[in-house]
Amino acid sequence: MKQLLKHLLPIILMASLSSCGGGGTIASGGSGGTGISTGSIGGFGSIFVNGIEFDISGATLFRDGIQIFNDNDFELGEVVTIEGSIDSASGTGVATSVTYDEILVGPVTTAQGADPDVQPIEVLGQTIRILPSTVLSADIATMTQGVFVEISGYYNADQEIVATSIKVVGATTIEAKLFVDGVDLTTSPDEFDSNDLTVLLADLSHVTPADMVQVTAASNALAGTTLTASSVTVIVSSSPAQGTEIELEGIITSFISPSHFFVNGVEVTTDGGTIIENPAGIPIALNVRVEVEGVINSSGVLPADVLEVEDDSEDIELEVFGQIGAKIDPDTLVVHGTNYVIVLGSDLHGSSYASLNIGDWVHIHAEEVSGEYIIEELELKAAPGGPEEGEIEGTVTDFNEVAGWLVVNGTTINTDSGTVFRGPNENVIPSASFFDSIAIGSTEVHAIGAYTGGVFEADDIRIDD
């Protein structure tokens, strides 16, 4: 078995990566934010990750390195990294950024056989492990050789990808994060191997065995198990800053003891004060899926406050918050266009199918069973209130004095005749003087106001010293 070393890239922290033409090095991870949560999306309404409901109304959203403006572009099961604040006691958080970056996009090179343990599906020569909780956009039988798929998930200690979601896509640019098994610089072009795939590029002198690399190639660049790349970029990992609160879903990729191991490259320790949730009694060992909560210490280690051991046999579970859009007699509610079925044993907290009305706001916990989402728990909720108060502080990256808006930390801040403008000394100044004082890329401001419809409406805004 290939046990990956402890410096295995923390894939969970890879945000907005971009390849250099031909080759190079890029950094991943590292954040001075209040907190980081990384895991597969378990529900919508807001975004639910690791059991935390994140308000993303003021967050900057990224998908594959490109800013997006609609959370509908994210899908169930996709692994995202969320930066922001987390209130573990209430199970809620406020996101400042949400980032998704797939682990693999490319053609199926080996279709899954009758026994997936004997012949698992391979994509670009990489073994893909599918669990009952893996979200599939199509039947696995339709994912035949040559079909392009997009995969989100984690590498395990055997250098296999444990998929949290697999989506069939049209032929597109091939992108992959791959481990380098060996490099040969004596051939022309140079080449390296990654499991059953050989990658060619004119110059691979910057690549060494055990590196993780970002590979891009044209959609028709694969011949058999040989891929002619357009770029190969070494990914260099970095750790979150001391004091960063972490909510981490992943796989134990290196194991020292049951109280000292690495989860997707992040060093984790437990002690007598760690709350361990392990109802199935699964031994803590290599390749076990876990969720970890804690705060990064001065050594870059994550001492776990909570460790949850996950059962690979469990089916898909999700949470959703939203309005009932329709009712389908005798037992089905439609929320965000998805059907949720009430069964005997569903905990409705005193409600019933008959008492629930179209337009009611509900919070649902559900499990997928034979293709249906079965309600485990439903709570009737009050409609969301008015605008959510907040503050934004950061550097101005764009503005329009005539329209009265400016962009800070990727968020648009609107001002109007009711906004109080202040200078660095906090004295009130005219709006024209405020905007005349702004230099894009260097002026810092502090705004107080409220989010409305994903836009921040400033009541008070000042130029910081």
Protein backbone atom coordinates (compact mmCIF):
# COMPACT_ATOMS: atom_id res chain seq x y z
CA MET A 1 0.00 0.00 0.00
CA LYS A 2 1.26 3.49 -0.85
CA GLN A 3 1.18 5.45 2.40
CA LEU A 4 1.44 9.13 1.51
CA LEU A 5 3.89 11.19 3.52
CA LYS A 6 2.75 13.78 6.03
CA HIS A 7 3.50 16.63 3.61
CA LEU A 8 0.66 15.45 1.37
CA LEU A 9 -0.98 18.54 -0.06
CA PRO A 10 -3.93 19.78 1.98
CA ILE A 11 -6.29 19.58 -0.97
CA ILE A 12 -8.99 21.00 1.21
CA LEU A 13 -7.26 24.37 1.20
CA MET A 14 -6.62 24.64 -2.54
CA ALA A 15 -8.44 27.78 -3.59
CA SER A 16 -8.58 29.55 -6.94
CA LEU A 17 -5.54 27.85 -8.44
CA SER A 18 -4.32 28.93 -11.85
CA SER A 19 -1.76 27.11 -13.97
CA CYS A 20 1.33 28.71 -15.41
CA GLY A 21 1.98 28.17 -19.10
CA GLY A 22 4.33 25.23 -19.53
CA GLY A 23 5.27 24.90 -15.88
CA GLY A 24 5.96 26.62 -12.59
CA THR A 25 4.94 26.63 -8.97
CA ILE A 26 1.78 27.88 -7.30
CA ALA A 27 0.87 28.12 -3.65
CA SER A 28 -2.20 26.66 -2.05
CA GLY A 29 -3.93 27.30 1.24
CA GLY A 30 -3.03 29.65 4.03
CA SER A 31 -5.49 32.09 5.48
CA GLY A 32 -5.59 34.64 8.20
CA GLY A 33 -9.39 34.55 8.29
CA THR A 34 -11.48 34.04 11.40
CA GLY A 35 -12.22 30.47 10.42
CA ILE A 36 -12.08 27.94 7.63
CA SER A 37 -14.58 25.16 7.00
CA THR A 38 -13.93 22.63 4.29
CA GLY A 39 -16.11 19.74 3.29
CA SER A 40 -18.75 18.55 0.88
CA ILE A 41 -21.93 20.57 0.47
CA GLY A 42 -24.72 18.87 2.41
CA GLY A 43 -27.60 21.22 1.72
CA PHE A 44 -28.87 24.50 0.38
CA GLY A 45 -31.00 27.48 1.29
CA SER A 46 -27.84 28.84 2.71
CA ILE A 47 -24.90 26.42 2.27
CA PHE A 48 -24.56 23.56 4.76
CA VAL A 49 -21.02 22.22 5.20
CA ASN A 50 -19.93 19.96 8.08
CA GLY A 51 -23.30 20.52 9.73
CA ILE A 52 -22.82 24.31 9.82
CA GLU A 53 -25.36 26.54 8.06
CA PHE A 54 -23.41 29.37 6.42
CA ASP A 55 -24.98 32.66 5.43
CA ILE A 56 -23.37 33.43 2.07
CA SER A 57 -25.36 36.56 1.21
CA GLY A 58 -22.25 38.74 1.52
CA ALA A 59 -19.66 36.18 0.41
CA THR A 60 -17.45 36.22 -2.65
CA LEU A 61 -18.01 33.00 -4.59
CA PHE A 62 -15.43 31.22 -6.74
CA ARG A 63 -15.76 28.18 -8.98
CA ASP A 64 -12.61 26.76 -10.59
CA GLY A 65 -10.76 30.04 -10.09
CA ILE A 66 -13.51 32.22 -11.60
CA GLN A 67 -15.74 34.49 -9.55
CA ILE A 68 -19.42 33.58 -9.80
CA PHE A 69 -22.46 35.45 -8.56
CA ASN A 70 -25.04 32.72 -7.97
CA ASP A 71 -24.82 29.97 -5.37
CA ASN A 72 -26.95 27.81 -7.68
CA ASP A 73 -23.67 27.12 -9.50
CA PHE A 74 -22.63 24.95 -6.53
CA GLU A 75 -23.99 21.41 -6.30
CA LEU A 76 -24.67 18.86 -3.59
CA GLY A 77 -21.60 16.83 -2.69
CA GLU A 78 -19.03 19.26 -4.05
CA VAL A 79 -16.10 19.96 -1.73
CA VAL A 80 -15.83 23.66 -0.93
CA THR A 81 -13.64 25.77 1.31
CA ILE A 82 -15.46 28.46 3.25
CA GLU A 83 -13.72 31.35 4.99
CA GLY A 84 -15.58 33.44 7.51
CA SER A 85 -16.82 33.16 11.06
CA ILE A 86 -18.26 30.09 12.77
CA ASP A 87 -20.51 29.85 15.82
CA SER A 88 -20.27 26.18 16.75
CA ALA A 89 -22.77 26.59 19.57
CA SER A 90 -25.57 27.65 17.23
CA GLY A 91 -24.38 25.61 14.25
CA THR A 92 -24.26 28.70 12.04
CA GLY A 93 -21.62 30.77 10.31
CA VAL A 94 -21.17 33.81 8.09
CA ALA A 95 -19.05 33.25 5.00
CA THR A 96 -16.78 35.85 3.45
CA SER A 97 -15.73 33.52 0.62
CA VAL A 98 -16.79 30.16 -0.79
CA THR A 99 -14.38 28.37 -3.14
CA TYR A 100 -14.86 25.24 -5.22
CA ASP A 101 -12.10 23.64 -7.27
CA GLU A 102 -12.60 20.20 -8.78
CA ILE A 103 -9.99 17.51 -8.28
CA LEU A 104 -10.36 16.02 -11.77
CA VAL A 105 -12.09 16.78 -15.07
CA GLY A 106 -11.48 14.37 -17.92
CA PRO A 107 -12.53 11.23 -19.76
CA VAL A 108 -13.25 7.84 -18.22
CA THR A 109 -10.35 5.53 -19.10
CA THR A 110 -11.79 2.38 -17.51
CA ALA A 111 -15.51 1.84 -16.89
CA GLN A 112 -16.60 0.35 -13.59
CA GLY A 113 -17.01 -3.42 -13.68
CA ALA A 114 -19.66 -5.62 -12.10
CA ASP A 115 -17.61 -5.68 -8.89
CA PRO A 116 -16.29 -2.16 -8.24
CA ASP A 117 -13.80 -3.51 -5.70
CA VAL A 118 -12.19 -5.58 -8.46
CA GLN A 119 -12.63 -3.09 -11.33
CA PRO A 120 -13.37 0.43 -10.08
CA ILE A 121 -13.99 3.27 -12.49
CA GLU A 122 -10.82 5.08 -13.60
CA VAL A 123 -10.61 8.63 -14.91
CA LEU A 124 -7.33 9.74 -16.50
CA GLY A 125 -5.80 6.57 -15.12
CA GLN A 126 -6.77 7.45 -11.53
CA THR A 127 -8.83 5.02 -9.44
CA ILE A 128 -12.11 6.55 -8.25
CA ARG A 129 -13.78 5.08 -5.16
CA ILE A 130 -17.56 5.55 -5.00
CA LEU A 131 -19.37 5.42 -1.65
CA PRO A 132 -23.10 5.21 -0.90
CA SER A 133 -22.88 8.92 -0.02
CA THR A 134 -21.29 9.90 -3.36
CA VAL A 135 -23.62 12.21 -5.30
CA LEU A 136 -23.93 10.97 -8.91
CA SER A 137 -25.44 13.12 -11.67
CA ALA A 138 -26.12 10.01 -13.76
CA ASP A 139 -26.16 6.24 -13.43
CA ILE A 140 -22.63 4.87 -13.12
CA ALA A 141 -23.43 2.48 -15.99
CA THR A 142 -23.61 5.47 -18.37
CA MET A 143 -20.08 6.55 -17.45
CA THR A 144 -18.38 4.49 -20.13
CA GLN A 145 -14.91 4.86 -21.60
CA GLY A 146 -14.42 8.29 -23.15
CA VAL A 147 -17.28 10.00 -21.28
CA PHE A 148 -16.09 13.23 -19.62
CA VAL A 149 -16.79 13.59 -15.91
CA GLU A 150 -16.04 16.16 -13.22
CA ILE A 151 -15.04 14.75 -9.85
CA SER A 152 -14.94 16.35 -6.43
CA GLY A 153 -13.49 14.53 -3.46
CA TYR A 154 -10.29 13.66 -1.63
CA TYR A 155 -7.21 11.55 -2.23
CA ASN A 156 -6.78 8.73 0.26
CA ALA A 157 -3.54 7.19 1.51
CA ASP A 158 -3.50 4.73 -1.41
CA GLN A 159 -3.43 7.59 -3.92
CA GLU A 160 -7.04 6.87 -4.93
CA ILE A 161 -9.73 9.53 -5.20
CA VAL A 162 -12.67 9.05 -2.84
CA ALA A 163 -15.44 10.86 -4.70
CA THR A 164 -18.00 13.02 -2.95
CA SER A 165 -19.63 13.91 -6.28
CA ILE A 166 -19.33 12.81 -9.91
CA LYS A 167 -20.97 14.81 -12.67
CA VAL A 168 -21.12 13.96 -16.38
CA VAL A 169 -19.98 16.95 -18.47
CA GLY A 170 -19.39 17.60 -22.15
CA ALA A 171 -15.93 17.35 -23.67
CA THR A 172 -13.92 20.20 -22.19
CA THR A 173 -10.42 21.19 -21.17
CA ILE A 174 -8.82 18.42 -19.15
CA GLU A 175 -7.77 19.52 -15.67
CA ALA A 176 -6.36 17.31 -12.95
CA LYS A 177 -4.54 17.45 -9.66
CA LEU A 178 -2.18 14.48 -9.79
CA PHE A 179 0.53 12.89 -7.69
CA VAL A 180 3.85 12.35 -9.46
CA ASP A 181 5.13 8.78 -9.13
CA GLY A 182 8.25 9.19 -11.27
CA VAL A 183 9.82 11.61 -13.76
CA ASP A 184 11.84 10.79 -16.90
CA LEU A 185 13.80 13.71 -18.36
CA THR A 186 15.71 11.55 -20.85
CA THR A 187 12.80 11.23 -23.25
CA SER A 188 11.59 13.79 -25.76
CA PRO A 189 9.24 15.21 -24.63
CA ASP A 190 9.79 14.77 -20.88
CA GLU A 191 7.28 12.58 -19.07
CA PHE A 192 6.00 11.65 -15.64
CA ASP A 193 3.76 8.86 -14.39
CA SER A 194 0.75 9.16 -12.11
CA ASN A 195 -0.84 5.80 -11.32
CA ASP A 196 -1.90 4.44 -14.75
CA LEU A 197 -1.41 7.75 -16.60
CA THR A 198 1.67 9.04 -18.43
CA VAL A 199 1.89 12.82 -18.89
CA LEU A 200 4.07 14.42 -21.58
CA LEU A 201 5.43 17.99 -21.68
CA ALA A 202 8.49 19.51 -23.34
CA ASP A 203 10.05 20.58 -20.04
CA LEU A 204 9.35 18.87 -16.72
CA SER A 205 12.62 19.82 -15.03
CA HIS A 206 10.65 21.60 -12.28
CA VAL A 207 8.79 18.40 -11.32
CA THR A 208 10.05 15.76 -8.87
CA PRO A 209 8.57 12.48 -7.59
CA ALA A 210 5.96 12.87 -4.80
CA ASP A 211 5.00 16.35 -6.02
CA MET A 212 1.37 17.16 -6.53
CA VAL A 213 0.81 19.01 -9.78
CA GLN A 214 -1.98 20.81 -11.59
CA VAL A 215 -2.20 19.53 -15.17
CA THR A 216 -4.16 21.08 -18.02
CA ALA A 217 -4.58 19.69 -21.51
CA ALA A 218 -6.83 19.99 -24.54
CA SER A 219 -9.97 17.85 -24.59
CA ASN A 220 -8.48 15.62 -27.33
CA ALA A 221 -5.01 15.35 -25.77
CA LEU A 222 -5.46 11.84 -24.32
CA ALA A 223 -4.31 8.87 -26.41
CA GLY A 224 -4.85 5.61 -24.54
CA THR A 225 -3.27 6.32 -21.17
CA THR A 226 -0.87 9.02 -22.42
CA LEU A 227 -1.78 12.67 -21.97
CA THR A 228 -0.01 15.48 -23.82
CA ALA A 229 -0.25 18.40 -21.43
CA SER A 230 -0.36 22.10 -22.20
CA SER A 231 0.86 22.97 -18.69
CA VAL A 232 2.10 21.23 -15.56
CA THR A 233 2.34 23.31 -12.41
CA VAL A 234 3.73 22.18 -9.06
CA ILE A 235 1.39 22.92 -6.16
CA VAL A 236 3.08 23.99 -2.94
CA SER A 237 1.02 23.64 0.22
CA SER A 238 0.89 26.08 3.10
CA SER A 239 -0.80 25.95 6.47
CA PRO A 240 -3.49 28.19 7.98
CA ALA A 241 -2.31 30.84 10.42
CA GLN A 242 -2.11 30.24 14.15
CA GLY A 243 -5.47 30.87 15.79
CA THR A 244 -7.51 29.98 12.71
CA GLU A 245 -10.62 28.01 13.61
CA ILE A 246 -10.92 24.93 11.39
CA GLU A 247 -13.89 22.70 10.52
CA LEU A 248 -12.33 19.96 8.41
CA GLU A 249 -13.84 17.01 6.54
CA GLY A 250 -11.39 14.59 5.02
CA ILE A 251 -9.54 11.30 5.06
CA ILE A 252 -6.73 10.13 7.34
CA THR A 253 -3.82 10.12 4.88
CA SER A 254 -0.96 9.44 7.28
CA PHE A 255 -1.22 7.65 10.62
CA ILE A 256 1.08 7.76 13.63
CA SER A 257 -1.35 6.72 16.36
CA PRO A 258 -5.09 6.98 17.12
CA SER A 259 -4.32 10.33 18.75
CA HIS A 260 -1.87 11.67 16.13
CA PHE A 261 -2.55 11.57 12.41
CA PHE A 262 -2.90 13.70 9.27
CA VAL A 263 -6.19 14.51 7.55
CA ASN A 264 -5.58 15.42 3.90
CA GLY A 265 -2.16 16.69 4.96
CA VAL A 266 -3.29 18.65 8.04
CA GLU A 267 -1.65 17.41 11.25
CA VAL A 268 -4.26 16.54 13.89
CA THR A 269 -3.89 15.51 17.53
CA THR A 270 -6.43 14.41 20.12
CA ASP A 271 -6.28 14.17 23.89
CA GLY A 272 -8.49 13.46 26.88
CA GLY A 273 -10.43 16.66 26.26
CA THR A 274 -11.38 15.79 22.69
CA ILE A 275 -15.05 14.94 22.15
CA ILE A 276 -15.03 11.84 19.94
CA GLU A 277 -18.25 10.96 18.09
CA ASN A 278 -18.00 7.43 16.74
CA PRO A 279 -21.37 5.66 17.03
CA ALA A 280 -20.35 2.87 14.65
CA GLY A 281 -17.20 2.12 16.67
CA ILE A 282 -14.92 2.43 13.63
CA PRO A 283 -11.21 2.21 14.57
CA ILE A 284 -9.27 5.41 13.90
CA ALA A 285 -6.84 4.33 11.19
CA LEU A 286 -5.48 5.05 7.73
CA ASN A 287 -8.12 5.93 5.09
CA VAL A 288 -10.90 6.49 7.63
CA ARG A 289 -13.13 9.50 6.88
CA VAL A 290 -13.41 12.02 9.70
CA GLU A 291 -14.58 15.51 10.56
CA VAL A 292 -12.37 17.56 12.87
CA GLU A 293 -13.01 20.83 14.71
CA GLY A 294 -10.33 22.87 16.44
CA VAL A 295 -7.97 25.85 16.33
CA ILE A 296 -4.53 25.83 14.67
CA ASN A 297 -1.77 26.18 17.30
CA SER A 298 1.66 27.84 17.10
CA SER A 299 3.18 24.67 15.61
CA GLY A 300 0.69 24.58 12.75
CA VAL A 301 -1.02 21.55 14.31
CA LEU A 302 -4.80 21.17 14.72
CA PRO A 303 -5.58 19.90 18.26
CA ALA A 304 -9.08 18.49 17.88
CA ASP A 305 -11.84 19.79 20.11
CA VAL A 306 -14.27 17.46 18.32
CA LEU A 307 -13.51 14.41 16.18
CA GLU A 308 -16.35 12.72 14.30
CA VAL A 309 -15.62 9.37 12.65
CA GLU A 310 -17.76 8.89 9.54
CA ASP A 311 -19.33 5.64 8.36
CA ASP A 312 -18.65 4.95 4.66
CA SER A 313 -21.78 2.80 4.48
CA GLU A 314 -24.10 5.74 5.16
CA ASP A 315 -26.24 7.11 2.35
CA ILE A 316 -26.47 10.73 1.22
CA GLU A 317 -27.72 13.09 3.90
CA LEU A 318 -28.56 16.73 3.38
CA GLU A 319 -30.09 19.80 4.96
CA VAL A 320 -32.21 22.43 3.27
CA PHE A 321 -33.80 25.69 4.35
CA GLY A 322 -36.45 27.30 2.20
CA GLN A 323 -40.10 27.78 1.35
CA ILE A 324 -42.52 25.01 0.48
CA GLY A 325 -43.13 25.62 -3.21
CA ALA A 326 -45.70 22.88 -3.74
CA LYS A 327 -47.36 19.89 -2.07
CA ILE A 328 -47.87 16.56 -3.80
CA ASP A 329 -50.47 14.44 -2.03
CA PRO A 330 -50.35 12.45 0.08
CA ASP A 331 -46.91 13.04 1.60
CA THR A 332 -44.47 15.06 -0.52
CA LEU A 333 -43.19 18.61 -0.08
CA VAL A 334 -41.34 20.51 -2.81
CA VAL A 335 -38.57 22.85 -1.61
CA HIS A 336 -36.15 24.53 -4.02
CA GLY A 337 -37.58 22.31 -6.77
CA THR A 338 -36.70 19.05 -4.98
CA ASN A 339 -39.21 16.54 -3.59
CA TYR A 340 -39.00 15.56 0.09
CA VAL A 341 -41.16 12.70 1.35
CA ILE A 342 -42.75 12.46 4.80
CA VAL A 343 -42.76 8.89 6.13
CA LEU A 344 -43.74 7.17 9.35
CA GLY A 345 -41.03 8.20 11.76
CA SER A 346 -40.34 11.63 10.24
CA ASP A 347 -39.95 14.08 13.13
CA LEU A 348 -42.08 17.08 12.14
CA HIS A 349 -41.87 18.87 15.51
CA GLY A 350 -45.63 19.01 15.96
CA SER A 351 -46.46 19.82 12.35
CA SER A 352 -48.16 17.48 9.89
CA TYR A 353 -48.47 17.22 6.14
CA ALA A 354 -51.95 18.70 6.40
CA SER A 355 -50.87 21.65 8.56
CA LEU A 356 -47.92 22.62 6.37
CA ASN A 357 -48.79 25.18 3.71
CA ILE A 358 -47.29 26.36 0.46
CA GLY A 359 -45.11 29.35 1.32
CA ASP A 360 -44.15 28.07 4.78
CA TRP A 361 -40.45 28.28 5.62
CA VAL A 362 -38.97 24.96 6.75
CA HIS A 363 -35.63 23.49 7.79
CA ILE A 364 -35.33 19.88 6.61
CA HIS A 365 -32.90 17.08 7.41
CA ALA A 366 -33.25 14.33 4.79
CA GLU A 367 -31.61 11.12 3.63
CA GLU A 368 -31.52 9.70 0.13
CA VAL A 369 -33.13 6.25 -0.02
CA SER A 370 -33.53 4.52 -3.38
CA GLY A 371 -33.41 7.81 -5.22
CA GLU A 372 -35.88 9.63 -2.95
CA TYR A 373 -35.17 12.21 -0.26
CA ILE A 374 -36.83 10.98 2.92
CA ILE A 375 -37.47 13.56 5.64
CA GLU A 376 -35.83 12.61 8.91
CA GLU A 377 -36.61 15.90 10.65
CA LEU A 378 -38.56 19.03 9.68
CA GLU A 379 -38.93 22.26 11.62
CA LEU A 380 -41.33 25.04 10.72
CA LYS A 381 -39.39 28.33 10.74
CA ALA A 382 -40.28 32.00 10.71
CA ALA A 383 -39.68 33.82 7.44
CA PRO A 384 -36.22 35.36 7.24
CA GLY A 385 -36.23 38.86 8.66
CA GLY A 386 -35.15 42.09 7.05
CA PRO A 387 -31.65 43.04 6.03
CA GLU A 388 -28.82 41.50 8.06
CA GLU A 389 -26.63 44.05 9.80
CA GLY A 390 -22.89 43.85 9.38
CA GLU A 391 -19.57 45.59 8.77
CA ILE A 392 -17.06 45.48 5.93
CA GLU A 393 -13.46 46.62 6.20
CA GLY A 394 -10.85 46.40 3.48
CA THR A 395 -9.19 47.88 0.40
CA VAL A 396 -11.23 49.50 -2.36
CA THR A 397 -10.73 47.64 -5.65
CA ASP A 398 -13.27 49.56 -7.76
CA PHE A 399 -15.76 52.42 -7.41
CA ASN A 400 -18.22 54.60 -9.29
CA GLU A 401 -18.87 58.01 -7.75
CA VAL A 402 -21.84 58.81 -9.97
CA ALA A 403 -23.63 55.54 -9.16
CA GLY A 404 -22.47 55.71 -5.55
CA TRP A 405 -20.97 52.24 -5.23
CA LEU A 406 -17.57 50.79 -4.39
CA VAL A 407 -16.16 47.27 -4.16
CA VAL A 408 -14.34 46.04 -1.05
CA ASN A 409 -13.22 42.43 -0.51
CA GLY A 410 -15.22 41.45 -3.58
CA THR A 411 -18.45 42.85 -2.11
CA THR A 412 -20.35 45.75 -3.69
CA ILE A 413 -21.14 48.51 -1.19
CA ASN A 414 -23.95 50.88 -2.14
CA THR A 415 -24.20 54.41 -0.78
CA ASP A 416 -27.00 56.96 -1.13
CA SER A 417 -28.20 60.28 0.24
CA GLY A 418 -28.76 58.69 3.63
CA THR A 419 -25.20 57.40 3.99
CA VAL A 420 -22.90 59.24 6.40
CA PHE A 421 -19.44 59.73 4.87
CA ARG A 422 -16.40 60.25 7.10
CA GLY A 423 -12.74 61.06 6.62
CA PRO A 424 -9.79 59.38 8.38
CA ASN A 425 -10.41 61.52 11.48
CA GLU A 426 -14.05 60.32 11.50
CA ASN A 427 -15.33 63.82 10.78
CA VAL A 428 -18.33 63.92 8.45
CA ILE A 429 -17.39 64.94 4.89
CA PRO A 430 -19.35 65.37 1.62
CA SER A 431 -19.74 62.29 -0.55
CA ALA A 432 -17.75 63.98 -3.34
CA SER A 433 -14.80 64.50 -0.99
CA PHE A 434 -15.04 60.89 0.12
CA PHE A 435 -14.88 59.50 -3.42
CA ASP A 436 -12.17 62.01 -4.43
CA SER A 437 -10.01 60.56 -1.64
CA ILE A 438 -10.17 56.99 -2.96
CA ALA A 439 -7.17 55.43 -4.70
CA ILE A 440 -7.99 52.01 -6.10
CA GLY A 441 -5.84 49.30 -4.58
CA SER A 442 -4.58 51.34 -1.63
CA THR A 443 -7.42 53.20 0.12
CA GLU A 444 -8.99 51.26 2.98
CA VAL A 445 -12.52 51.90 4.18
CA HIS A 446 -14.77 50.70 6.99
CA ALA A 447 -18.50 50.46 6.25
CA ILE A 448 -21.39 49.80 8.63
CA GLY A 449 -24.75 48.81 7.22
CA ALA A 450 -26.79 45.81 6.18
CA TYR A 451 -26.93 43.13 3.50
CA THR A 452 -29.97 43.25 1.26
CA GLY A 453 -30.26 40.83 -1.64
CA GLY A 454 -26.55 40.05 -1.53
CA VAL A 455 -25.56 43.75 -1.73
CA PHE A 456 -24.24 45.76 1.22
CA GLU A 457 -26.13 49.02 1.83
CA ALA A 458 -23.90 51.40 3.81
CA ASP A 459 -25.38 53.53 6.59
CA ASP A 460 -21.98 54.87 7.65
CA ILE A 461 -18.65 54.63 5.81
CA ARG A 462 -15.24 56.08 6.63
CA ILE A 463 -11.77 56.18 5.15
CA ASP A 464 -9.32 54.38 7.44
CA ASP A 465 -5.90 55.76 8.30
